[in-house]
Amino acid sequence: AGAHTALYDPQAVQAVAEQLERVWAVQQHRAAQTLELDQLRF
């Protein structure tokens, strides 16, 4: 982010990291399911 950010609360920054981690955990799970589905189709 920019050096002059409105996001000051450390807990809020921690929440951003947790949200990103959650989002990409879902993406990883979807990628694994897609790979498994592709294998089944093959």
PDB file of all heavy atoms in Angstrom:
ATOM      1  N   ALA A   1       0.846  -1.192   0.000  1.00  0.00           N
ATOM      2  CA  ALA A   1       0.000   0.000   0.000  1.00  0.00           C
ATOM      3  C   ALA A   1       0.883   1.245   0.000  1.00  0.00           C
ATOM      4  O   ALA A   1       2.109   1.162   0.187  1.00  0.00           O
ATOM      5  CB  ALA A   1      -0.919  -0.010   1.219  1.00  0.00           C
ATOM      6  N   GLY A   2       0.256   2.389  -0.208  1.00  0.00           N
ATOM      7  CA  GLY A   2       0.998   3.641  -0.168  1.00  0.00           C
ATOM      8  C   GLY A   2       1.486   3.939   1.245  1.00  0.00           C
ATOM      9  O   GLY A   2       0.892   3.479   2.233  1.00  0.00           O
ATOM     10  N   ALA A   3       2.547   4.712   1.354  1.00  0.00           N
ATOM     11  CA  ALA A   3       3.096   5.032   2.676  1.00  0.00           C
ATOM     12  C   ALA A   3       2.107   5.831   3.510  1.00  0.00           C
ATOM     13  O   ALA A   3       2.021   5.676   4.734  1.00  0.00           O
ATOM     14  CB  ALA A   3       4.406   5.790   2.515  1.00  0.00           C
ATOM     15  N   HIS A   4       1.320   6.703   2.924  1.00  0.00           N
ATOM     16  CA  HIS A   4       0.315   7.483   3.645  1.00  0.00           C
ATOM     17  C   HIS A   4      -1.023   6.775   3.489  1.00  0.00           C
ATOM     18  O   HIS A   4      -1.793   7.027   2.561  1.00  0.00           O
ATOM     19  CB  HIS A   4       0.243   8.910   3.087  1.00  0.00           C
ATOM     20  CG  HIS A   4       1.524   9.659   3.259  1.00  0.00           C
ATOM     21  ND1 HIS A   4       1.901  10.213   4.463  1.00  0.00           N
ATOM     22  CD2 HIS A   4       2.525   9.929   2.376  1.00  0.00           C
ATOM     23  CE1 HIS A   4       3.079  10.799   4.322  1.00  0.00           C
ATOM     24  NE2 HIS A   4       3.492  10.643   3.061  1.00  0.00           N
ATOM     25  N   THR A   5      -1.294   5.833   4.355  1.00  0.00           N
ATOM     26  CA  THR A   5      -2.501   5.025   4.255  1.00  0.00           C
ATOM     27  C   THR A   5      -3.469   5.360   5.362  1.00  0.00           C
ATOM     28  O   THR A   5      -3.066   5.766   6.458  1.00  0.00           O
ATOM     29  CB  THR A   5      -2.162   3.522   4.310  1.00  0.00           C
ATOM     30  OG1 THR A   5      -3.357   2.770   4.319  1.00  0.00           O
ATOM     31  CG2 THR A   5      -1.363   3.179   5.561  1.00  0.00           C
ATOM     32  N   ALA A   6      -4.750   5.210   5.094  1.00  0.00           N
ATOM     33  CA  ALA A   6      -5.782   5.451   6.110  1.00  0.00           C
ATOM     34  C   ALA A   6      -5.996   4.240   7.000  1.00  0.00           C
ATOM     35  O   ALA A   6      -6.813   4.283   7.915  1.00  0.00           O
ATOM     36  CB  ALA A   6      -7.105   5.819   5.421  1.00  0.00           C
ATOM     37  N   LEU A   7      -5.262   3.117   6.688  1.00  0.00           N
ATOM     38  CA  LEU A   7      -5.442   1.890   7.466  1.00  0.00           C
ATOM     39  C   LEU A   7      -4.413   1.885   8.597  1.00  0.00           C
ATOM     40  O   LEU A   7      -3.267   1.477   8.429  1.00  0.00           O
ATOM     41  CB  LEU A   7      -5.250   0.661   6.556  1.00  0.00           C
ATOM     42  CG  LEU A   7      -5.667  -0.690   7.145  1.00  0.00           C
ATOM     43  CD1 LEU A   7      -7.153  -0.723   7.448  1.00  0.00           C
ATOM     44  CD2 LEU A   7      -5.303  -1.806   6.175  1.00  0.00           C
ATOM     45  N   TYR A   8      -4.816   2.400   9.782  1.00  0.00           N
ATOM     46  CA  TYR A   8      -3.885   2.566  10.893  1.00  0.00           C
ATOM     47  C   TYR A   8      -3.963   1.436  11.911  1.00  0.00           C
ATOM     48  O   TYR A   8      -2.972   1.089  12.527  1.00  0.00           O
ATOM     49  CB  TYR A   8      -4.159   3.898  11.623  1.00  0.00           C
ATOM     50  CG  TYR A   8      -4.198   5.096  10.708  1.00  0.00           C
ATOM     51  CD1 TYR A   8      -5.240   6.011  10.770  1.00  0.00           C
ATOM     52  CD2 TYR A   8      -3.167   5.316   9.797  1.00  0.00           C
ATOM     53  CE1 TYR A   8      -5.262   7.124   9.942  1.00  0.00           C
ATOM     54  CE2 TYR A   8      -3.194   6.423   8.969  1.00  0.00           C
ATOM     55  CZ  TYR A   8      -4.244   7.325   9.044  1.00  0.00           C
ATOM     56  OH  TYR A   8      -4.274   8.417   8.236  1.00  0.00           O
ATOM     57  N   ASP A   9      -5.139   0.887  12.115  1.00  0.00           N
ATOM     58  CA  ASP A   9      -5.352  -0.073  13.199  1.00  0.00           C
ATOM     59  C   ASP A   9      -4.593  -1.368  12.914  1.00  0.00           C
ATOM     60  O   ASP A   9      -4.832  -2.022  11.891  1.00  0.00           O
ATOM     61  CB  ASP A   9      -6.848  -0.352  13.331  1.00  0.00           C
ATOM     62  CG  ASP A   9      -7.156  -1.270  14.502  1.00  0.00           C
ATOM     63  OD1 ASP A   9      -6.211  -1.641  15.225  1.00  0.00           O
ATOM     64  OD2 ASP A   9      -8.329  -1.630  14.664  1.00  0.00           O
ATOM     65  N   PRO A  10      -3.658  -1.782  13.804  1.00  0.00           N
ATOM     66  CA  PRO A  10      -2.931  -3.054  13.581  1.00  0.00           C
ATOM     67  C   PRO A  10      -3.871  -4.244  13.473  1.00  0.00           C
ATOM     68  O   PRO A  10      -3.608  -5.181  12.714  1.00  0.00           O
ATOM     69  CB  PRO A  10      -2.032  -3.157  14.812  1.00  0.00           C
ATOM     70  CG  PRO A  10      -1.863  -1.750  15.284  1.00  0.00           C
ATOM     71  CD  PRO A  10      -3.167  -1.063  14.999  1.00  0.00           C
ATOM     72  N   GLN A  11      -4.961  -4.209  14.201  1.00  0.00           N
ATOM     73  CA  GLN A  11      -5.920  -5.318  14.106  1.00  0.00           C
ATOM     74  C   GLN A  11      -6.585  -5.340  12.730  1.00  0.00           C
ATOM     75  O   GLN A  11      -6.869  -6.402  12.174  1.00  0.00           O
ATOM     76  CB  GLN A  11      -6.976  -5.182  15.208  1.00  0.00           C
ATOM     77  CG  GLN A  11      -6.421  -5.402  16.607  1.00  0.00           C
ATOM     78  CD  GLN A  11      -7.518  -5.331  17.661  1.00  0.00           C
ATOM     79  OE1 GLN A  11      -8.667  -4.959  17.362  1.00  0.00           O
ATOM     80  NE2 GLN A  11      -7.166  -5.675  18.887  1.00  0.00           N
ATOM     81  N   ALA A  12      -6.819  -4.158  12.171  1.00  0.00           N
ATOM     82  CA  ALA A  12      -7.407  -4.096  10.834  1.00  0.00           C
ATOM     83  C   ALA A  12      -6.425  -4.629   9.795  1.00  0.00           C
ATOM     84  O   ALA A  12      -6.803  -5.330   8.859  1.00  0.00           O
ATOM     85  CB  ALA A  12      -7.812  -2.668  10.500  1.00  0.00           C
ATOM     86  N   VAL A  13      -5.132  -4.263   9.959  1.00  0.00           N
ATOM     87  CA  VAL A  13      -4.113  -4.791   9.039  1.00  0.00           C
ATOM     88  C   VAL A  13      -4.047  -6.308   9.152  1.00  0.00           C
ATOM     89  O   VAL A  13      -3.937  -7.024   8.146  1.00  0.00           O
ATOM     90  CB  VAL A  13      -2.749  -4.147   9.343  1.00  0.00           C
ATOM     91  CG1 VAL A  13      -1.655  -4.796   8.498  1.00  0.00           C
ATOM     92  CG2 VAL A  13      -2.789  -2.647   9.082  1.00  0.00           C
ATOM     93  N   GLN A  14      -4.112  -6.798  10.389  1.00  0.00           N
ATOM     94  CA  GLN A  14      -4.130  -8.248  10.608  1.00  0.00           C
ATOM     95  C   GLN A  14      -5.343  -8.869   9.946  1.00  0.00           C
ATOM     96  O   GLN A  14      -5.253  -9.940   9.335  1.00  0.00           O
ATOM     97  CB  GLN A  14      -4.162  -8.537  12.121  1.00  0.00           C
ATOM     98  CG  GLN A  14      -4.270 -10.005  12.489  1.00  0.00           C
ATOM     99  CD  GLN A  14      -2.913 -10.686  12.475  1.00  0.00           C
ATOM    100  OE1 GLN A  14      -1.903 -10.020  12.239  1.00  0.00           O
ATOM    101  NE2 GLN A  14      -2.912 -11.979  12.704  1.00  0.00           N
ATOM    102  N   ALA A  15      -6.478  -8.194  10.002  1.00  0.00           N
ATOM    103  CA  ALA A  15      -7.709  -8.702   9.384  1.00  0.00           C
ATOM    104  C   ALA A  15      -7.570  -8.755   7.860  1.00  0.00           C
ATOM    105  O   ALA A  15      -8.077  -9.672   7.210  1.00  0.00           O
ATOM    106  CB  ALA A  15      -8.897  -7.838   9.787  1.00  0.00           C
ATOM    107  N   VAL A  16      -6.871  -7.758   7.290  1.00  0.00           N
ATOM    108  CA  VAL A  16      -6.631  -7.775   5.839  1.00  0.00           C
ATOM    109  C   VAL A  16      -5.836  -9.021   5.459  1.00  0.00           C
ATOM    110  O   VAL A  16      -6.155  -9.719   4.489  1.00  0.00           O
ATOM    111  CB  VAL A  16      -5.896  -6.491   5.403  1.00  0.00           C
ATOM    112  CG1 VAL A  16      -5.401  -6.628   3.960  1.00  0.00           C
ATOM    113  CG2 VAL A  16      -6.806  -5.283   5.533  1.00  0.00           C
ATOM    114  N   ALA A  17      -4.775  -9.292   6.233  1.00  0.00           N
ATOM    115  CA  ALA A  17      -3.957 -10.470   5.950  1.00  0.00           C
ATOM    116  C   ALA A  17      -4.782 -11.748   6.065  1.00  0.00           C
ATOM    117  O   ALA A  17      -4.664 -12.668   5.241  1.00  0.00           O
ATOM    118  CB  ALA A  17      -2.765 -10.520   6.899  1.00  0.00           C
ATOM    119  N   GLU A  18      -5.633 -11.828   7.092  1.00  0.00           N
ATOM    120  CA  GLU A  18      -6.461 -13.026   7.271  1.00  0.00           C
ATOM    121  C   GLU A  18      -7.454 -13.190   6.134  1.00  0.00           C
ATOM    122  O   GLU A  18      -7.728 -14.308   5.671  1.00  0.00           O
ATOM    123  CB  GLU A  18      -7.182 -12.939   8.616  1.00  0.00           C
ATOM    124  CG  GLU A  18      -6.238 -13.076   9.812  1.00  0.00           C
ATOM    125  CD  GLU A  18      -6.965 -12.872  11.132  1.00  0.00           C
ATOM    126  OE1 GLU A  18      -8.155 -12.470  11.089  1.00  0.00           O
ATOM    127  OE2 GLU A  18      -6.351 -13.103  12.177  1.00  0.00           O
ATOM    128  N   GLN A  19      -8.033 -12.072   5.664  1.00  0.00           N
ATOM    129  CA  GLN A  19      -8.983 -12.133   4.554  1.00  0.00           C
ATOM    130  C   GLN A  19      -8.284 -12.614   3.270  1.00  0.00           C
ATOM    131  O   GLN A  19      -8.821 -13.432   2.532  1.00  0.00           O
ATOM    132  CB  GLN A  19      -9.628 -10.760   4.322  1.00  0.00           C
ATOM    133  CG  GLN A  19     -10.625 -10.337   5.385  1.00  0.00           C
ATOM    134  CD  GLN A  19     -11.894 -11.194   5.328  1.00  0.00           C
ATOM    135  OE1 GLN A  19     -12.214 -11.816   4.324  1.00  0.00           O
ATOM    136  NE2 GLN A  19     -12.615 -11.237   6.453  1.00  0.00           N
ATOM    137  N   LEU A  20      -7.094 -12.065   3.021  1.00  0.00           N
ATOM    138  CA  LEU A  20      -6.356 -12.507   1.842  1.00  0.00           C
ATOM    139  C   LEU A  20      -5.987 -13.984   1.937  1.00  0.00           C
ATOM    140  O   LEU A  20      -6.062 -14.734   0.958  1.00  0.00           O
ATOM    141  CB  LEU A  20      -5.086 -11.650   1.680  1.00  0.00           C
ATOM    142  CG  LEU A  20      -5.319 -10.218   1.201  1.00  0.00           C
ATOM    143  CD1 LEU A  20      -4.057  -9.387   1.366  1.00  0.00           C
ATOM    144  CD2 LEU A  20      -5.764 -10.220  -0.258  1.00  0.00           C
ATOM    145  N   GLU A  21      -5.597 -14.392   3.139  1.00  0.00           N
ATOM    146  CA  GLU A  21      -5.262 -15.807   3.344  1.00  0.00           C
ATOM    147  C   GLU A  21      -6.483 -16.686   3.103  1.00  0.00           C
ATOM    148  O   GLU A  21      -6.402 -17.744   2.475  1.00  0.00           O
ATOM    149  CB  GLU A  21      -4.731 -15.994   4.759  1.00  0.00           C
ATOM    150  CG  GLU A  21      -4.185 -17.385   5.030  1.00  0.00           C
ATOM    151  CD  GLU A  21      -3.495 -17.446   6.373  1.00  0.00           C
ATOM    152  OE1 GLU A  21      -2.562 -16.652   6.588  1.00  0.00           O
ATOM    153  OE2 GLU A  21      -3.894 -18.278   7.197  1.00  0.00           O
ATOM    154  N   ARG A  22      -7.649 -16.240   3.573  1.00  0.00           N
ATOM    155  CA  ARG A  22      -8.884 -16.999   3.368  1.00  0.00           C
ATOM    156  C   ARG A  22      -9.236 -17.075   1.895  1.00  0.00           C
ATOM    157  O   ARG A  22      -9.571 -18.154   1.372  1.00  0.00           O
ATOM    158  CB  ARG A  22     -10.034 -16.346   4.150  1.00  0.00           C
ATOM    159  CG  ARG A  22     -11.395 -17.000   3.922  1.00  0.00           C
ATOM    160  CD  ARG A  22     -12.495 -16.187   4.595  1.00  0.00           C
ATOM    161  NE  ARG A  22     -12.640 -14.863   3.999  1.00  0.00           N
ATOM    162  CZ  ARG A  22     -13.380 -14.620   2.906  1.00  0.00           C
ATOM    163  NH1 ARG A  22     -14.012 -15.607   2.289  1.00  0.00           N
ATOM    164  NH2 ARG A  22     -13.463 -13.391   2.437  1.00  0.00           N
ATOM    165  N   VAL A  23      -9.141 -15.928   1.210  1.00  0.00           N
ATOM    166  CA  VAL A  23      -9.490 -15.891  -0.214  1.00  0.00           C
ATOM    167  C   VAL A  23      -8.625 -16.865  -1.004  1.00  0.00           C
ATOM    168  O   VAL A  23      -9.108 -17.645  -1.822  1.00  0.00           O
ATOM    169  CB  VAL A  23      -9.357 -14.457  -0.754  1.00  0.00           C
ATOM    170  CG1 VAL A  23      -9.409 -14.474  -2.284  1.00  0.00           C
ATOM    171  CG2 VAL A  23     -10.460 -13.576  -0.193  1.00  0.00           C
ATOM    172  N   TRP A  24      -7.306 -16.845  -0.749  1.00  0.00           N
ATOM    173  CA  TRP A  24      -6.423 -17.687  -1.544  1.00  0.00           C
ATOM    174  C   TRP A  24      -6.427 -19.136  -1.092  1.00  0.00           C
ATOM    175  O   TRP A  24      -6.064 -20.041  -1.874  1.00  0.00           O
ATOM    176  CB  TRP A  24      -5.019 -17.098  -1.560  1.00  0.00           C
ATOM    177  CG  TRP A  24      -5.037 -15.848  -2.389  1.00  0.00           C
ATOM    178  CD1 TRP A  24      -5.051 -14.562  -1.930  1.00  0.00           C
ATOM    179  CD2 TRP A  24      -5.149 -15.773  -3.808  1.00  0.00           C
ATOM    180  NE1 TRP A  24      -5.153 -13.675  -2.976  1.00  0.00           N
ATOM    181  CE2 TRP A  24      -5.203 -14.396  -4.151  1.00  0.00           C
ATOM    182  CE3 TRP A  24      -5.203 -16.716  -4.827  1.00  0.00           C
ATOM    183  CZ2 TRP A  24      -5.318 -13.954  -5.447  1.00  0.00           C
ATOM    184  CZ3 TRP A  24      -5.306 -16.286  -6.129  1.00  0.00           C
ATOM    185  CH2 TRP A  24      -5.354 -14.929  -6.445  1.00  0.00           C
ATOM    186  N   ALA A  25      -6.849 -19.396   0.128  1.00  0.00           N
ATOM    187  CA  ALA A  25      -7.064 -20.787   0.544  1.00  0.00           C
ATOM    188  C   ALA A  25      -8.228 -21.383  -0.248  1.00  0.00           C
ATOM    189  O   ALA A  25      -8.188 -22.545  -0.679  1.00  0.00           O
ATOM    190  CB  ALA A  25      -7.343 -20.860   2.041  1.00  0.00           C
ATOM    191  N   VAL A  26      -9.263 -20.550  -0.452  1.00  0.00           N
ATOM    192  CA  VAL A  26     -10.394 -21.003  -1.278  1.00  0.00           C
ATOM    193  C   VAL A  26      -9.932 -21.243  -2.709  1.00  0.00           C
ATOM    194  O   VAL A  26     -10.321 -22.232  -3.353  1.00  0.00           O
ATOM    195  CB  VAL A  26     -11.535 -19.960  -1.235  1.00  0.00           C
ATOM    196  CG1 VAL A  26     -12.614 -20.320  -2.255  1.00  0.00           C
ATOM    197  CG2 VAL A  26     -12.134 -19.868   0.164  1.00  0.00           C
ATOM    198  N   GLN A  27      -9.085 -20.343  -3.235  1.00  0.00           N
ATOM    199  CA  GLN A  27      -8.585 -20.516  -4.607  1.00  0.00           C
ATOM    200  C   GLN A  27      -7.764 -21.799  -4.742  1.00  0.00           C
ATOM    201  O   GLN A  27      -7.859 -22.523  -5.732  1.00  0.00           O
ATOM    202  CB  GLN A  27      -7.735 -19.305  -5.006  1.00  0.00           C
ATOM    203  CG  GLN A  27      -8.490 -17.995  -5.065  1.00  0.00           C
ATOM    204  CD  GLN A  27      -9.726 -18.091  -5.959  1.00  0.00           C
ATOM    205  OE1 GLN A  27      -9.635 -18.438  -7.134  1.00  0.00           O
ATOM    206  NE2 GLN A  27     -10.880 -17.803  -5.384  1.00  0.00           N
ATOM    207  N   GLN A  28      -6.965 -22.070  -3.714  1.00  0.00           N
ATOM    208  CA  GLN A  28      -6.166 -23.294  -3.747  1.00  0.00           C
ATOM    209  C   GLN A  28      -7.053 -24.533  -3.720  1.00  0.00           C
ATOM    210  O   GLN A  28      -6.806 -25.507  -4.429  1.00  0.00           O
ATOM    211  CB  GLN A  28      -5.192 -23.302  -2.568  1.00  0.00           C
ATOM    212  CG  GLN A  28      -4.168 -24.421  -2.621  1.00  0.00           C
ATOM    213  CD  GLN A  28      -3.120 -24.259  -1.549  1.00  0.00           C
ATOM    214  OE1 GLN A  28      -3.335 -23.607  -0.530  1.00  0.00           O
ATOM    215  NE2 GLN A  28      -1.946 -24.842  -1.780  1.00  0.00           N
ATOM    216  N   HIS A  29      -8.096 -24.481  -2.897  1.00  0.00           N
ATOM    217  CA  HIS A  29      -9.025 -25.606  -2.820  1.00  0.00           C
ATOM    218  C   HIS A  29      -9.763 -25.781  -4.144  1.00  0.00           C
ATOM    219  O   HIS A  29      -9.941 -26.906  -4.632  1.00  0.00           O
ATOM    220  CB  HIS A  29     -10.025 -25.354  -1.684  1.00  0.00           C
ATOM    221  CG  HIS A  29     -11.007 -26.480  -1.502  1.00  0.00           C
ATOM    222  ND1 HIS A  29     -10.631 -27.741  -1.085  1.00  0.00           N
ATOM    223  CD2 HIS A  29     -12.364 -26.531  -1.704  1.00  0.00           C
ATOM    224  CE1 HIS A  29     -11.694 -28.520  -1.028  1.00  0.00           C
ATOM    225  NE2 HIS A  29     -12.755 -27.809  -1.395  1.00  0.00           N
ATOM    226  N   ARG A  30     -10.159 -24.674  -4.764  1.00  0.00           N
ATOM    227  CA  ARG A  30     -10.838 -24.748  -6.059  1.00  0.00           C
ATOM    228  C   ARG A  30      -9.912 -25.304  -7.129  1.00  0.00           C
ATOM    229  O   ARG A  30     -10.323 -26.086  -7.991  1.00  0.00           O
ATOM    230  CB  ARG A  30     -11.314 -23.363  -6.484  1.00  0.00           C
ATOM    231  CG  ARG A  30     -12.539 -22.853  -5.743  1.00  0.00           C
ATOM    232  CD  ARG A  30     -13.030 -21.562  -6.379  1.00  0.00           C
ATOM    233  NE  ARG A  30     -13.383 -21.793  -7.789  1.00  0.00           N
ATOM    234  CZ  ARG A  30     -13.102 -20.948  -8.774  1.00  0.00           C
ATOM    235  NH1 ARG A  30     -12.418 -19.849  -8.514  1.00  0.00           N
ATOM    236  NH2 ARG A  30     -13.473 -21.213 -10.002  1.00  0.00           N
ATOM    237  N   ALA A  31      -8.616 -24.894  -7.087  1.00  0.00           N
ATOM    238  CA  ALA A  31      -7.656 -25.396  -8.071  1.00  0.00           C
ATOM    239  C   ALA A  31      -7.481 -26.902  -7.942  1.00  0.00           C
ATOM    240  O   ALA A  31      -7.404 -27.627  -8.940  1.00  0.00           O
ATOM    241  CB  ALA A  31      -6.313 -24.686  -7.898  1.00  0.00           C
ATOM    242  N   ALA A  32      -7.432 -27.385  -6.673  1.00  0.00           N
ATOM    243  CA  ALA A  32      -7.299 -28.830  -6.464  1.00  0.00           C
ATOM    244  C   ALA A  32      -8.543 -29.568  -6.977  1.00  0.00           C
ATOM    245  O   ALA A  32      -8.428 -30.639  -7.606  1.00  0.00           O
ATOM    246  CB  ALA A  32      -7.084 -29.127  -4.982  1.00  0.00           C
ATOM    247  N   GLN A  33      -9.723 -29.002  -6.709  1.00  0.00           N
ATOM    248  CA  GLN A  33     -10.947 -29.622  -7.197  1.00  0.00           C
ATOM    249  C   GLN A  33     -11.015 -29.606  -8.726  1.00  0.00           C
ATOM    250  O   GLN A  33     -11.450 -30.579  -9.346  1.00  0.00           O
ATOM    251  CB  GLN A  33     -12.165 -28.900  -6.616  1.00  0.00           C
ATOM    252  CG  GLN A  33     -12.410 -29.178  -5.137  1.00  0.00           C
ATOM    253  CD  GLN A  33     -13.688 -28.534  -4.656  1.00  0.00           C
ATOM    254  OE1 GLN A  33     -14.043 -27.427  -5.066  1.00  0.00           O
ATOM    255  NE2 GLN A  33     -14.397 -29.230  -3.780  1.00  0.00           N
ATOM    256  N   THR A  34     -10.572 -28.487  -9.316  1.00  0.00           N
ATOM    257  CA  THR A  34     -10.570 -28.393 -10.778  1.00  0.00           C
ATOM    258  C   THR A  34      -9.633 -29.431 -11.383  1.00  0.00           C
ATOM    259  O   THR A  34      -9.959 -30.086 -12.384  1.00  0.00           O
ATOM    260  CB  THR A  34     -10.139 -26.987 -11.219  1.00  0.00           C
ATOM    261  OG1 THR A  34     -11.048 -26.025 -10.679  1.00  0.00           O
ATOM    262  CG2 THR A  34     -10.116 -26.873 -12.732  1.00  0.00           C
ATOM    263  N   LEU A  35      -8.444 -29.591 -10.764  1.00  0.00           N
ATOM    264  CA  LEU A  35      -7.496 -30.593 -11.250  1.00  0.00           C
ATOM    265  C   LEU A  35      -8.096 -31.992 -11.146  1.00  0.00           C
ATOM    266  O   LEU A  35      -7.993 -32.799 -12.077  1.00  0.00           O
ATOM    267  CB  LEU A  35      -6.195 -30.507 -10.444  1.00  0.00           C
ATOM    268  CG  LEU A  35      -5.131 -31.553 -10.785  1.00  0.00           C
ATOM    269  CD1 LEU A  35      -4.703 -31.426 -12.242  1.00  0.00           C
ATOM    270  CD2 LEU A  35      -3.933 -31.424  -9.843  1.00  0.00           C
ATOM    271  N   GLU A  36      -8.722 -32.276 -10.021  1.00  0.00           N
ATOM    272  CA  GLU A  36      -9.340 -33.596  -9.845  1.00  0.00           C
ATOM    273  C   GLU A  36     -10.469 -33.811 -10.850  1.00  0.00           C
ATOM    274  O   GLU A  36     -10.607 -34.892 -11.425  1.00  0.00           O
ATOM    275  CB  GLU A  36      -9.876 -33.729  -8.418  1.00  0.00           C
ATOM    276  CG  GLU A  36     -10.448 -35.102  -8.112  1.00  0.00           C
ATOM    277  CD  GLU A  36     -10.911 -35.230  -6.674  1.00  0.00           C
ATOM    278  OE1 GLU A  36     -10.768 -34.256  -5.907  1.00  0.00           O
ATOM    279  OE2 GLU A  36     -11.435 -36.304  -6.313  1.00  0.00           O
ATOM    280  N   LEU A  37     -11.258 -32.760 -11.081  1.00  0.00           N
ATOM    281  CA  LEU A  37     -12.341 -32.868 -12.055  1.00  0.00           C
ATOM    282  C   LEU A  37     -11.791 -33.070 -13.467  1.00  0.00           C
ATOM    283  O   LEU A  37     -12.326 -33.873 -14.241  1.00  0.00           O
ATOM    284  CB  LEU A  37     -13.210 -31.610 -12.003  1.00  0.00           C
ATOM    285  CG  LEU A  37     -14.451 -31.598 -12.910  1.00  0.00           C
ATOM    286  CD1 LEU A  37     -15.371 -32.760 -12.577  1.00  0.00           C
ATOM    287  CD2 LEU A  37     -15.189 -30.274 -12.780  1.00  0.00           C
ATOM    288  N   ASP A  38     -10.705 -32.363 -13.795  1.00  0.00           N
ATOM    289  CA  ASP A  38     -10.084 -32.538 -15.109  1.00  0.00           C
ATOM    290  C   ASP A  38      -9.565 -33.968 -15.283  1.00  0.00           C
ATOM    291  O   ASP A  38      -9.680 -34.556 -16.365  1.00  0.00           O
ATOM    292  CB  ASP A  38      -8.931 -31.548 -15.286  1.00  0.00           C
ATOM    293  CG  ASP A  38      -9.422 -30.119 -15.479  1.00  0.00           C
ATOM    294  OD1 ASP A  38     -10.617 -29.942 -15.792  1.00  0.00           O
ATOM    295  OD2 ASP A  38      -8.620 -29.184 -15.288  1.00  0.00           O
ATOM    296  N   GLN A  39      -8.993 -34.509 -14.207  1.00  0.00           N
ATOM    297  CA  GLN A  39      -8.511 -35.888 -14.267  1.00  0.00           C
ATOM    298  C   GLN A  39      -9.663 -36.857 -14.489  1.00  0.00           C
ATOM    299  O   GLN A  39      -9.560 -37.802 -15.289  1.00  0.00           O
ATOM    300  CB  GLN A  39      -7.760 -36.242 -12.986  1.00  0.00           C
ATOM    301  CG  GLN A  39      -6.419 -35.520 -12.836  1.00  0.00           C
ATOM    302  CD  GLN A  39      -5.789 -35.759 -11.487  1.00  0.00           C
ATOM    303  OE1 GLN A  39      -6.423 -36.306 -10.573  1.00  0.00           O
ATOM    304  NE2 GLN A  39      -4.534 -35.353 -11.331  1.00  0.00           N
ATOM    305  N   LEU A  40     -10.773 -36.608 -13.787  1.00  0.00           N
ATOM    306  CA  LEU A  40     -11.936 -37.482 -13.950  1.00  0.00           C
ATOM    307  C   LEU A  40     -12.501 -37.382 -15.368  1.00  0.00           C
ATOM    308  O   LEU A  40     -12.898 -38.393 -15.959  1.00  0.00           O
ATOM    309  CB  LEU A  40     -13.009 -37.104 -12.920  1.00  0.00           C
ATOM    310  CG  LEU A  40     -12.685 -37.443 -11.468  1.00  0.00           C
ATOM    311  CD1 LEU A  40     -13.763 -36.895 -10.540  1.00  0.00           C
ATOM    312  CD2 LEU A  40     -12.563 -38.952 -11.271  1.00  0.00           C
ATOM    313  N   ARG A  41     -12.534 -36.154 -15.904  1.00  0.00           N
ATOM    314  CA  ARG A  41     -13.001 -35.985 -17.290  1.00  0.00           C
ATOM    315  C   ARG A  41     -12.087 -36.733 -18.260  1.00  0.00           C
ATOM    316  O   ARG A  41     -12.544 -37.380 -19.191  1.00  0.00           O
ATOM    317  CB  ARG A  41     -13.041 -34.500 -17.657  1.00  0.00           C
ATOM    318  CG  ARG A  41     -14.152 -33.702 -16.995  1.00  0.00           C
ATOM    319  CD  ARG A  41     -14.342 -32.383 -17.741  1.00  0.00           C
ATOM    320  NE  ARG A  41     -15.332 -31.526 -17.084  1.00  0.00           N
ATOM    321  CZ  ARG A  41     -15.037 -30.458 -16.363  1.00  0.00           C
ATOM    322  NH1 ARG A  41     -13.782 -30.115 -16.179  1.00  0.00           N
ATOM    323  NH2 ARG A  41     -15.993 -29.718 -15.814  1.00  0.00           N
ATOM    324  N   PHE A  42     -10.779 -36.607 -18.027  1.00  0.00           N
ATOM    325  CA  PHE A  42      -9.828 -37.301 -18.888  1.00  0.00           C
ATOM    326  C   PHE A  42     -10.007 -38.805 -18.798  1.00  0.00           C
ATOM    327  O   PHE A  42     -10.006 -39.510 -19.808  1.00  0.00           O
ATOM    328  CB  PHE A  42      -8.399 -36.906 -18.498  1.00  0.00           C
ATOM    329  CG  PHE A  42      -7.343 -37.619 -19.290  1.00  0.00           C
ATOM    330  CD1 PHE A  42      -7.056 -37.220 -20.592  1.00  0.00           C
ATOM    331  CD2 PHE A  42      -6.652 -38.687 -18.753  1.00  0.00           C
ATOM    332  CE1 PHE A  42      -6.084 -37.874 -21.335  1.00  0.00           C
ATOM    333  CE2 PHE A  42      -5.681 -39.351 -19.486  1.00  0.00           C
ATOM    334  CZ  PHE A  42      -5.390 -38.941 -20.782  1.00  0.00           C
TER     335      PHE A  42
END
